Structure formats: C-alpha cells, structure tokens
Amino acid sequence: MKIAISGKGGVGKTLLASLLSRRFASAGYSVLAIDADPDANLAANLGFPHPDEITPISEMDDLIEERTGARPGQSGSFFKLNPRVDDIPDRFAAEHDGIRLMVMGRIKRGGTGCYCAEGVLLQALLGHLLIRRDEVVILDMEAGIEHLARGTSKAVDHMIIVVEPGRRSIETAQRIQELARDIGLENIVLVANKVHSQSEKEFLISSLHDLEFLGFIPYDQALVEADLANLPIQNASQLIADEINNIYQALVPASKISSPAE
C-alpha cells in the first residue's frame, strides 16, 4: 500500500504519517516512511535517536554524482535522466523500532520541470519507492502535490489530505484536490485533525462534502504536553490512538488486517 499525505502547513501531516507508520508496523507490515517535507521532522516524530544526523538524499553529493554523472551545484553539466536508484532504499534508509525512514530533502516541483542532477535523482527514487517497492510506503509531503508526477500518481493507493477546522485549511485542501485530479489521482480522502467539538466536525463535513473523511483526530492537550516534554507522542493520547486505529481499519481491507503477509 502506498499512502501520500498532504495538506496545509501545520495541520498535522507529520503527526498522521508517524502514527500511521507505527500502526502499520505494529500490525506486522514492512513500513518505509518517506519524509519529503523540507521541514524534515518525521524522524523526530517517529522517535529516531539523533534525527538531525540523518542526511537527506538531496545532500549526498557523492551519490548524486555517481548516479547522474553530475555534481550538485555545477552549472552547465550533463547528467543521466534515468539514474539507477533501486539499491538506495536498502543502503541509505535509517531504521528504528521496526520502521525504516528516508529523508528526501528538497524535490524540484514537478509542474515546473526539473533541471538539476539532485532533482532528477529524487524524482527517480520517489517513482521507484511508489511503483516498485512491495511494502507499505507512507509519504509525508509538503503542502501540495509537487512531489507527484503523472506517472507516479497511479501508484498511490490513497492521497490523504489533512485538514483542521478553519477556512485556510479547507481552501488548501480544495486546491490539493484539484491538482491531484489534474494528474490522474482519484483516490483522495480526508482526515481531520485538532477537532475540538461536534460542531467543528460538522463544519468540516459540510465544507468538504464531496470527499470522504476517514477519521476525525481529536484535539488532546496531552499530545501537546508530551511534545513540550520531548516524550514519545505515540503513547501520549489514548483518544488519538483509538482514532488512528479507526483510520488504519478504513485503509486496510478487513481480510488483510489479521494477516498482512497475504
């Protein structure tokens, strides 16, 4: 299963990516989490030790030069448009508590073209991860769909747009929906985050009535306090854990929940 998570900055994309990664891993799935957000804090949310020491693929100049034939930062260089990437996940993914993680770094926007060696490598790598890897891939994206091209979008089983109660979040979700459908991505669903009340839930449903909500993650101060205290967030709130489990069950067919190896 390949899951891409997007939404306005600050709505909780990384929170959802980290909690879903842990839920799939606890069910026995092989999970590869991909941090494609320039803020790059998925490692910290997953509890990786020394997350700042994980080098993004886009900053591995020697690897980029080896695979593309051009060194990043050199102008006027020729480089391969189809570099080999199939061995990169096994060589460079970090691992912690049964979850493997890759930090992509900045990816050139698909809609504006890509004219640098590191951008070509990252796009080829992302295509491999979504199309060729036989595991659960959870992609934490920045606020948009810039990482997805028409060719790779077909491999995404679910595009989850995270929203919070608020007009700007809703407007961003609507733009992402339009852009995703422009590149042929149809399996678009929503997850609401930071929901305080039933009235906020109803507001979101009425504002985005043409898309399915997989779940409504409640606001819980316990999560905020755990973050401030630098404690693991995955066990901070039973309310949130219960809703993540509901979202997981909505994503996974009932026949697969007890036997992911099938």
C-alpha atoms as a PDB file:
ATOM      1  CA  MET A   1       0.000   0.000   0.000  1.00  0.00           C
ATOM      2  CA  LYS A   2       1.250   3.457  -0.933  1.00  0.00           C
ATOM      3  CA  ILE A   3      -0.123   6.431   1.023  1.00  0.00           C
ATOM      4  CA  ALA A   4       0.662  10.090   0.301  1.00  0.00           C
ATOM      5  CA  ILE A   5      -0.203  12.649   2.990  1.00  0.00           C
ATOM      6  CA  SER A   6      -0.609  16.336   2.198  1.00  0.00           C
ATOM      7  CA  GLY A   7      -2.339  19.453   3.498  1.00  0.00           C
ATOM      8  CA  LYS A   8      -1.686  23.000   4.656  1.00  0.00           C
ATOM      9  CA  GLY A   9       1.432  23.560   6.714  1.00  0.00           C
ATOM     10  CA  GLY A  10       0.879  22.961  10.414  1.00  0.00           C
ATOM     11  CA  VAL A  11      -2.291  20.871  10.172  1.00  0.00           C
ATOM     12  CA  GLY A  12      -0.645  17.672  11.397  1.00  0.00           C
ATOM     13  CA  LYS A  13       0.589  15.824   8.304  1.00  0.00           C
ATOM     14  CA  THR A  14       3.711  14.578  10.055  1.00  0.00           C
ATOM     15  CA  LEU A  15       1.742  13.524  13.125  1.00  0.00           C
ATOM     16  CA  LEU A  16      -0.564  11.403  10.978  1.00  0.00           C
ATOM     17  CA  ALA A  17       2.350   9.967   8.959  1.00  0.00           C
ATOM     18  CA  SER A  18       4.220   8.941  12.105  1.00  0.00           C
ATOM     19  CA  LEU A  19       1.219   7.430  13.885  1.00  0.00           C
ATOM     20  CA  LEU A  20       0.062   5.523  10.802  1.00  0.00           C
ATOM     21  CA  SER A  21       3.599   4.240  10.245  1.00  0.00           C
ATOM     22  CA  ARG A  22       3.649   2.869  13.776  1.00  0.00           C
ATOM     23  CA  ARG A  23       0.184   1.367  13.446  1.00  0.00           C
ATOM     24  CA  PHE A  24       1.063  -0.477  10.237  1.00  0.00           C
ATOM     25  CA  ALA A  25       4.368  -1.654  11.725  1.00  0.00           C
ATOM     26  CA  SER A  26       2.644  -2.951  14.864  1.00  0.00           C
ATOM     27  CA  ALA A  27       0.334  -4.990  12.616  1.00  0.00           C
ATOM     28  CA  GLY A  28       3.333  -6.726  11.065  1.00  0.00           C
ATOM     29  CA  TYR A  29       3.722  -4.769   7.841  1.00  0.00           C
ATOM     30  CA  SER A  30       7.081  -3.751   6.425  1.00  0.00           C
ATOM     31  CA  VAL A  31       6.930   0.057   6.583  1.00  0.00           C
ATOM     32  CA  LEU A  32       9.060   2.593   4.742  1.00  0.00           C
ATOM     33  CA  ALA A  33       8.335   6.172   5.847  1.00  0.00           C
ATOM     34  CA  ILE A  34       9.410   8.921   3.457  1.00  0.00           C
ATOM     35  CA  ASP A  35       9.984  12.475   4.660  1.00  0.00           C
ATOM     36  CA  ALA A  36       9.517  14.668   1.593  1.00  0.00           C
ATOM     37  CA  ASP A  37       8.739  17.828   3.545  1.00  0.00           C
ATOM     38  CA  PRO A  38      11.548  20.435   3.576  1.00  0.00           C
ATOM     39  CA  ASP A  39      10.943  20.891   7.320  1.00  0.00           C
ATOM     40  CA  ALA A  40      12.039  17.245   7.734  1.00  0.00           C
ATOM     41  CA  ASN A  41      10.803  16.380  11.243  1.00  0.00           C
ATOM     42  CA  LEU A  42       9.277  12.952  10.608  1.00  0.00           C
ATOM     43  CA  ALA A  43      12.323  11.266  12.165  1.00  0.00           C
ATOM     44  CA  ALA A  44      11.793  13.135  15.424  1.00  0.00           C
ATOM     45  CA  ASN A  45       8.089  12.278  15.454  1.00  0.00           C
ATOM     46  CA  LEU A  46       8.948   8.612  14.960  1.00  0.00           C
ATOM     47  CA  GLY A  47      11.369   8.726  17.873  1.00  0.00           C
ATOM     48  CA  PHE A  48      14.546   8.163  15.882  1.00  0.00           C
ATOM     49  CA  PRO A  49      17.624   8.895  18.014  1.00  0.00           C
ATOM     50  CA  HIS A  50      19.667  11.849  16.763  1.00  0.00           C
ATOM     51  CA  PRO A  51      17.261  12.762  13.936  1.00  0.00           C
ATOM     52  CA  ASP A  52      19.388  15.758  12.944  1.00  0.00           C
ATOM     53  CA  GLU A  53      22.188  13.387  11.984  1.00  0.00           C
ATOM     54  CA  ILE A  54      20.159  11.739   9.201  1.00  0.00           C
ATOM     55  CA  THR A  55      21.479  13.092   5.898  1.00  0.00           C
ATOM     56  CA  PRO A  56      18.830  13.868   3.258  1.00  0.00           C
ATOM     57  CA  ILE A  57      19.340  12.119  -0.071  1.00  0.00           C
ATOM     58  CA  SER A  58      19.433  15.502  -1.820  1.00  0.00           C
ATOM     59  CA  GLU A  59      22.580  16.389   0.178  1.00  0.00           C
ATOM     60  CA  MET A  60      24.510  13.213  -0.719  1.00  0.00           C
ATOM     61  CA  ASP A  61      26.664  14.879  -3.368  1.00  0.00           C
ATOM     62  CA  ASP A  62      28.907  11.866  -3.989  1.00  0.00           C
ATOM     63  CA  LEU A  63      25.923   9.568  -4.512  1.00  0.00           C
ATOM     64  CA  ILE A  64      24.242  12.058  -6.831  1.00  0.00           C
ATOM     65  CA  GLU A  65      27.390  12.439  -8.899  1.00  0.00           C
ATOM     66  CA  GLU A  66      27.903   8.660  -9.034  1.00  0.00           C
ATOM     67  CA  ARG A  67      24.348   8.008 -10.277  1.00  0.00           C
ATOM     68  CA  THR A  68      23.744  11.007 -12.543  1.00  0.00           C
ATOM     69  CA  GLY A  69      27.234  11.905 -13.704  1.00  0.00           C
ATOM     70  CA  ALA A  70      26.956  15.489 -12.463  1.00  0.00           C
ATOM     71  CA  ARG A  71      27.922  17.068  -9.153  1.00  0.00           C
ATOM     72  CA  PRO A  72      25.274  19.206  -7.484  1.00  0.00           C
ATOM     73  CA  GLY A  73      25.899  22.901  -7.830  1.00  0.00           C
ATOM     74  CA  GLN A  74      27.865  22.652 -11.053  1.00  0.00           C
ATOM     75  CA  SER A  75      26.255  24.674 -13.804  1.00  0.00           C
ATOM     76  CA  GLY A  76      26.075  23.533 -17.396  1.00  0.00           C
ATOM     77  CA  SER A  77      26.605  19.854 -16.553  1.00  0.00           C
ATOM     78  CA  PHE A  78      25.081  16.982 -18.481  1.00  0.00           C
ATOM     79  CA  PHE A  79      23.509  14.224 -16.400  1.00  0.00           C
ATOM     80  CA  LYS A  80      21.557  10.994 -16.732  1.00  0.00           C
ATOM     81  CA  LEU A  81      17.795  11.344 -16.743  1.00  0.00           C
ATOM     82  CA  ASN A  82      17.221   7.738 -15.605  1.00  0.00           C
ATOM     83  CA  PRO A  83      19.764   7.079 -12.835  1.00  0.00           C
ATOM     84  CA  ARG A  84      19.841   3.752 -11.019  1.00  0.00           C
ATOM     85  CA  VAL A  85      18.029   4.018  -7.685  1.00  0.00           C
ATOM     86  CA  ASP A  86      16.823   0.508  -6.811  1.00  0.00           C
ATOM     87  CA  ASP A  87      19.567  -0.104  -4.216  1.00  0.00           C
ATOM     88  CA  ILE A  88      19.299   3.266  -2.478  1.00  0.00           C
ATOM     89  CA  PRO A  89      16.477   2.391  -0.007  1.00  0.00           C
ATOM     90  CA  ASP A  90      18.303  -0.654   1.348  1.00  0.00           C
ATOM     91  CA  ARG A  91      21.626   1.197   1.568  1.00  0.00           C
ATOM     92  CA  PHE A  92      20.558   4.535   2.993  1.00  0.00           C
ATOM     93  CA  ALA A  93      17.299   4.099   4.917  1.00  0.00           C
ATOM     94  CA  ALA A  94      17.621   4.573   8.675  1.00  0.00           C
ATOM     95  CA  GLU A  95      15.779   2.102  10.903  1.00  0.00           C
ATOM     96  CA  HIS A  96      14.255   2.382  14.369  1.00  0.00           C
ATOM     97  CA  ASP A  97      11.639   0.263  16.145  1.00  0.00           C
ATOM     98  CA  GLY A  98      10.789  -1.684  13.002  1.00  0.00           C
ATOM     99  CA  ILE A  99      10.262   1.359  10.777  1.00  0.00           C
ATOM    100  CA  ARG A 100      12.658   2.367   8.028  1.00  0.00           C
ATOM    101  CA  LEU A 101      12.920   6.038   7.133  1.00  0.00           C
ATOM    102  CA  MET A 102      14.302   8.007   4.222  1.00  0.00           C
ATOM    103  CA  VAL A 103      14.634  11.795   4.238  1.00  0.00           C
ATOM    104  CA  MET A 104      14.443  13.051   0.681  1.00  0.00           C
ATOM    105  CA  GLY A 105      15.335  16.714   1.076  1.00  0.00           C
ATOM    106  CA  ARG A 106      14.054  19.275  -1.355  1.00  0.00           C
ATOM    107  CA  ILE A 107      12.458  17.919  -4.527  1.00  0.00           C
ATOM    108  CA  LYS A 108      12.035  20.113  -7.589  1.00  0.00           C
ATOM    109  CA  ARG A 109       8.439  20.955  -8.341  1.00  0.00           C
ATOM    110  CA  GLY A 110       7.059  18.546 -10.901  1.00  0.00           C
ATOM    111  CA  GLY A 111       4.944  21.162 -12.598  1.00  0.00           C
ATOM    112  CA  THR A 112       7.837  23.497 -13.337  1.00  0.00           C
ATOM    113  CA  GLY A 113      10.292  20.938 -14.664  1.00  0.00           C
ATOM    114  CA  CYS A 114      13.449  19.615 -13.087  1.00  0.00           C
ATOM    115  CA  TYR A 115      16.824  20.698 -14.408  1.00  0.00           C
ATOM    116  CA  CYS A 116      19.284  19.651 -11.722  1.00  0.00           C
ATOM    117  CA  ALA A 117      21.009  16.363 -11.008  1.00  0.00           C
ATOM    118  CA  GLU A 118      19.712  16.037  -7.439  1.00  0.00           C
ATOM    119  CA  GLY A 119      16.157  16.716  -8.598  1.00  0.00           C
ATOM    120  CA  VAL A 120      16.373  14.016 -11.256  1.00  0.00           C
ATOM    121  CA  LEU A 121      17.684  11.501  -8.722  1.00  0.00           C
ATOM    122  CA  LEU A 122      14.974  12.326  -6.185  1.00  0.00           C
ATOM    123  CA  GLN A 123      12.188  12.023  -8.737  1.00  0.00           C
ATOM    124  CA  ALA A 124      13.549   8.683  -9.978  1.00  0.00           C
ATOM    125  CA  LEU A 125      13.873   7.453  -6.391  1.00  0.00           C
ATOM    126  CA  LEU A 126      10.348   8.506  -5.499  1.00  0.00           C
ATOM    127  CA  GLY A 127       8.994   6.751  -8.576  1.00  0.00           C
ATOM    128  CA  HIS A 128      10.824   3.563  -7.565  1.00  0.00           C
ATOM    129  CA  LEU A 129       9.513   3.763  -3.996  1.00  0.00           C
ATOM    130  CA  LEU A 130       5.913   4.166  -5.094  1.00  0.00           C
ATOM    131  CA  ILE A 131       5.882   1.788  -8.046  1.00  0.00           C
ATOM    132  CA  ARG A 132       8.418  -0.955  -7.319  1.00  0.00           C
ATOM    133  CA  ARG A 133       8.639  -1.402  -3.556  1.00  0.00           C
ATOM    134  CA  ASP A 134       6.466  -4.210  -2.181  1.00  0.00           C
ATOM    135  CA  GLU A 135       5.726  -2.748   1.235  1.00  0.00           C
ATOM    136  CA  VAL A 136       3.746  -0.031   2.945  1.00  0.00           C
ATOM    137  CA  VAL A 137       5.171   3.328   1.850  1.00  0.00           C
ATOM    138  CA  ILE A 138       3.928   6.398   3.721  1.00  0.00           C
ATOM    139  CA  LEU A 139       4.918   9.691   2.115  1.00  0.00           C
ATOM    140  CA  ASP A 140       4.878  12.829   4.273  1.00  0.00           C
ATOM    141  CA  MET A 141       4.707  15.642   1.702  1.00  0.00           C
ATOM    142  CA  GLU A 142       4.880  19.396   1.945  1.00  0.00           C
ATOM    143  CA  ALA A 143       1.721  21.453   1.456  1.00  0.00           C
ATOM    144  CA  GLY A 144       0.859  20.387  -2.079  1.00  0.00           C
ATOM    145  CA  ILE A 145       1.457  17.581  -4.568  1.00  0.00           C
ATOM    146  CA  GLU A 146       4.739  18.837  -6.035  1.00  0.00           C
ATOM    147  CA  HIS A 147       6.422  15.504  -5.414  1.00  0.00           C
ATOM    148  CA  LEU A 148       3.963  13.527  -7.513  1.00  0.00           C
ATOM    149  CA  ALA A 149       4.166  13.350 -11.295  1.00  0.00           C
ATOM    150  CA  ARG A 150       1.515  11.922 -13.575  1.00  0.00           C
ATOM    151  CA  GLY A 151       3.469   8.693 -13.923  1.00  0.00           C
ATOM    152  CA  THR A 152       3.888   8.037 -10.206  1.00  0.00           C
ATOM    153  CA  SER A 153       0.442   9.203  -9.110  1.00  0.00           C
ATOM    154  CA  LYS A 154      -1.125   5.992 -10.430  1.00  0.00           C
ATOM    155  CA  ALA A 155       0.825   4.004  -7.827  1.00  0.00           C
ATOM    156  CA  VAL A 156      -0.676   5.928  -4.886  1.00  0.00           C
ATOM    157  CA  ASP A 157      -3.449   3.916  -3.260  1.00  0.00           C
ATOM    158  CA  HIS A 158      -4.646   6.806  -1.099  1.00  0.00           C
ATOM    159  CA  MET A 159      -3.958  10.519  -1.109  1.00  0.00           C
ATOM    160  CA  ILE A 160      -4.864  11.700   2.390  1.00  0.00           C
ATOM    161  CA  ILE A 161      -5.416  15.427   2.763  1.00  0.00           C
ATOM    162  CA  VAL A 162      -5.184  16.513   6.398  1.00  0.00           C
ATOM    163  CA  VAL A 163      -7.458  19.377   7.378  1.00  0.00           C
ATOM    164  CA  GLU A 164      -8.195  21.271  10.552  1.00  0.00           C
ATOM    165  CA  PRO A 165     -11.236  23.414  11.382  1.00  0.00           C
ATOM    166  CA  GLY A 166     -10.510  26.638   9.535  1.00  0.00           C
ATOM    167  CA  ARG A 167     -11.121  28.321   6.193  1.00  0.00           C
ATOM    168  CA  ARG A 168      -7.477  28.411   5.073  1.00  0.00           C
ATOM    169  CA  SER A 169      -7.063  24.700   5.695  1.00  0.00           C
ATOM    170  CA  ILE A 170     -10.234  23.956   3.738  1.00  0.00           C
ATOM    171  CA  GLU A 171      -9.172  26.153   0.832  1.00  0.00           C
ATOM    172  CA  THR A 172      -5.780  24.432   0.699  1.00  0.00           C
ATOM    173  CA  ALA A 173      -7.469  21.026   0.718  1.00  0.00           C
ATOM    174  CA  GLN A 174      -9.673  22.049  -2.198  1.00  0.00           C
ATOM    175  CA  ARG A 175      -6.639  23.222  -4.205  1.00  0.00           C
ATOM    176  CA  ILE A 176      -4.781  19.987  -3.495  1.00  0.00           C
ATOM    177  CA  GLN A 177      -7.830  18.015  -4.581  1.00  0.00           C
ATOM    178  CA  GLU A 178      -7.968  19.877  -7.905  1.00  0.00           C
ATOM    179  CA  LEU A 179      -4.244  19.486  -8.568  1.00  0.00           C
ATOM    180  CA  ALA A 180      -4.302  15.799  -7.657  1.00  0.00           C
ATOM    181  CA  ARG A 181      -7.123  15.089 -10.052  1.00  0.00           C
ATOM    182  CA  ASP A 182      -5.291  17.019 -12.775  1.00  0.00           C
ATOM    183  CA  ILE A 183      -2.542  14.388 -12.685  1.00  0.00           C
ATOM    184  CA  GLY A 184      -4.975  11.487 -12.545  1.00  0.00           C
ATOM    185  CA  LEU A 185      -5.047  10.809  -8.815  1.00  0.00           C
ATOM    186  CA  GLU A 186      -8.577   9.803  -7.871  1.00  0.00           C
ATOM    187  CA  ASN A 187      -8.327   8.026  -4.509  1.00  0.00           C
ATOM    188  CA  ILE A 188      -8.444  11.224  -2.461  1.00  0.00           C
ATOM    189  CA  VAL A 189      -9.699  11.117   1.134  1.00  0.00           C
ATOM    190  CA  LEU A 190      -9.608  13.385   4.172  1.00  0.00           C
ATOM    191  CA  VAL A 191      -8.506  13.141   7.776  1.00  0.00           C
ATOM    192  CA  ALA A 192      -9.458  15.932  10.160  1.00  0.00           C
ATOM    193  CA  ASN A 193      -7.074  16.910  12.951  1.00  0.00           C
ATOM    194  CA  LYS A 194      -7.319  19.122  16.053  1.00  0.00           C
ATOM    195  CA  VAL A 195     -11.086  18.698  16.252  1.00  0.00           C
ATOM    196  CA  HIS A 196     -12.451  20.199  19.472  1.00  0.00           C
ATOM    197  CA  SER A 197     -16.174  19.599  19.143  1.00  0.00           C
ATOM    198  CA  GLN A 198     -19.041  18.074  17.214  1.00  0.00           C
ATOM    199  CA  SER A 199     -19.804  21.476  15.692  1.00  0.00           C
ATOM    200  CA  GLU A 200     -16.269  21.649  14.226  1.00  0.00           C
ATOM    201  CA  LYS A 201     -16.708  18.152  12.826  1.00  0.00           C
ATOM    202  CA  GLU A 202     -19.990  19.129  11.185  1.00  0.00           C
ATOM    203  CA  PHE A 203     -18.406  22.323   9.813  1.00  0.00           C
ATOM    204  CA  LEU A 204     -15.677  20.318   8.092  1.00  0.00           C
ATOM    205  CA  ILE A 205     -18.109  17.765   6.689  1.00  0.00           C
ATOM    206  CA  SER A 206     -20.369  20.458   5.240  1.00  0.00           C
ATOM    207  CA  SER A 207     -17.423  22.403   3.802  1.00  0.00           C
ATOM    208  CA  LEU A 208     -15.845  19.364   2.113  1.00  0.00           C
ATOM    209  CA  HIS A 209     -18.939  17.302   1.396  1.00  0.00           C
ATOM    210  CA  ASP A 210     -17.645  15.858  -1.883  1.00  0.00           C
ATOM    211  CA  LEU A 211     -14.791  13.922  -0.215  1.00  0.00           C
ATOM    212  CA  GLU A 212     -14.807  11.052   2.257  1.00  0.00           C
ATOM    213  CA  PHE A 213     -13.479  11.569   5.782  1.00  0.00           C
ATOM    214  CA  LEU A 214     -11.570   8.563   7.091  1.00  0.00           C
ATOM    215  CA  GLY A 215     -11.418   9.935  10.601  1.00  0.00           C
ATOM    216  CA  PHE A 216     -11.501  12.880  12.982  1.00  0.00           C
ATOM    217  CA  ILE A 217      -8.487  13.137  15.274  1.00  0.00           C
ATOM    218  CA  PRO A 218      -9.500  14.985  18.435  1.00  0.00           C
ATOM    219  CA  TYR A 219      -7.508  17.791  19.993  1.00  0.00           C
ATOM    220  CA  ASP A 220      -5.853  16.467  23.144  1.00  0.00           C
ATOM    221  CA  GLN A 221      -3.683  18.648  25.385  1.00  0.00           C
ATOM    222  CA  ALA A 222      -1.804  15.502  26.424  1.00  0.00           C
ATOM    223  CA  LEU A 223      -0.202  15.388  22.985  1.00  0.00           C
ATOM    224  CA  VAL A 224       0.953  18.998  23.310  1.00  0.00           C
ATOM    225  CA  GLU A 225       2.421  18.343  26.746  1.00  0.00           C
ATOM    226  CA  ALA A 226       4.253  15.241  25.513  1.00  0.00           C
ATOM    227  CA  ASP A 227       5.770  17.242  22.675  1.00  0.00           C
ATOM    228  CA  LEU A 228       6.867  20.044  25.018  1.00  0.00           C
ATOM    229  CA  ALA A 229       8.445  17.487  27.358  1.00  0.00           C
ATOM    230  CA  ASN A 230      10.177  15.732  24.436  1.00  0.00           C
ATOM    231  CA  LEU A 231       8.338  12.499  25.230  1.00  0.00           C
ATOM    232  CA  PRO A 232       7.182   9.912  22.650  1.00  0.00           C
ATOM    233  CA  ILE A 233       3.967  11.119  21.089  1.00  0.00           C
ATOM    234  CA  GLN A 234       2.697   7.701  20.025  1.00  0.00           C
ATOM    235  CA  ASN A 235       1.613   6.802  23.573  1.00  0.00           C
ATOM    236  CA  ALA A 236       0.598  10.271  24.742  1.00  0.00           C
ATOM    237  CA  SER A 237      -3.132  10.127  23.996  1.00  0.00           C
ATOM    238  CA  GLN A 238      -5.450   7.127  24.054  1.00  0.00           C
ATOM    239  CA  LEU A 239      -8.140   9.199  22.333  1.00  0.00           C
ATOM    240  CA  ILE A 240      -5.851   9.862  19.389  1.00  0.00           C
ATOM    241  CA  ALA A 241      -4.573   6.268  19.350  1.00  0.00           C
ATOM    242  CA  ASP A 242      -8.133   4.976  19.096  1.00  0.00           C
ATOM    243  CA  GLU A 243      -8.903   7.242  16.144  1.00  0.00           C
ATOM    244  CA  ILE A 244      -5.662   6.290  14.386  1.00  0.00           C
ATOM    245  CA  ASN A 245      -6.753   2.667  14.705  1.00  0.00           C
ATOM    246  CA  ASN A 246     -10.097   3.556  13.107  1.00  0.00           C
ATOM    247  CA  ILE A 247      -8.277   5.253  10.219  1.00  0.00           C
ATOM    248  CA  TYR A 248      -5.997   2.228   9.828  1.00  0.00           C
ATOM    249  CA  GLN A 249      -9.008  -0.085   9.622  1.00  0.00           C
ATOM    250  CA  ALA A 250     -10.577   2.160   6.993  1.00  0.00           C
ATOM    251  CA  LEU A 251      -7.399   1.939   4.895  1.00  0.00           C
ATOM    252  CA  VAL A 252      -6.793  -1.792   5.149  1.00  0.00           C
ATOM    253  CA  PRO A 253      -9.296  -4.330   3.774  1.00  0.00           C
ATOM    254  CA  ALA A 254     -10.772  -6.455   6.542  1.00  0.00           C
ATOM    255  CA  SER A 255      -9.252  -9.614   5.044  1.00  0.00           C
ATOM    256  CA  LYS A 256      -5.751  -8.127   5.432  1.00  0.00           C
ATOM    257  CA  ILE A 257      -5.956  -6.724   8.944  1.00  0.00           C
ATOM    258  CA  SER A 258      -5.146 -10.029  10.656  1.00  0.00           C
ATOM    259  CA  SER A 259      -2.720 -11.337   8.021  1.00  0.00           C
ATOM    260  CA  PRO A 260      -0.593  -8.638   6.340  1.00  0.00           C
ATOM    261  CA  ALA A 261       1.732 -11.265   4.868  1.00  0.00           C
ATOM    262  CA  GLU A 262      -1.009 -12.256   2.461  1.00  0.00           C
END
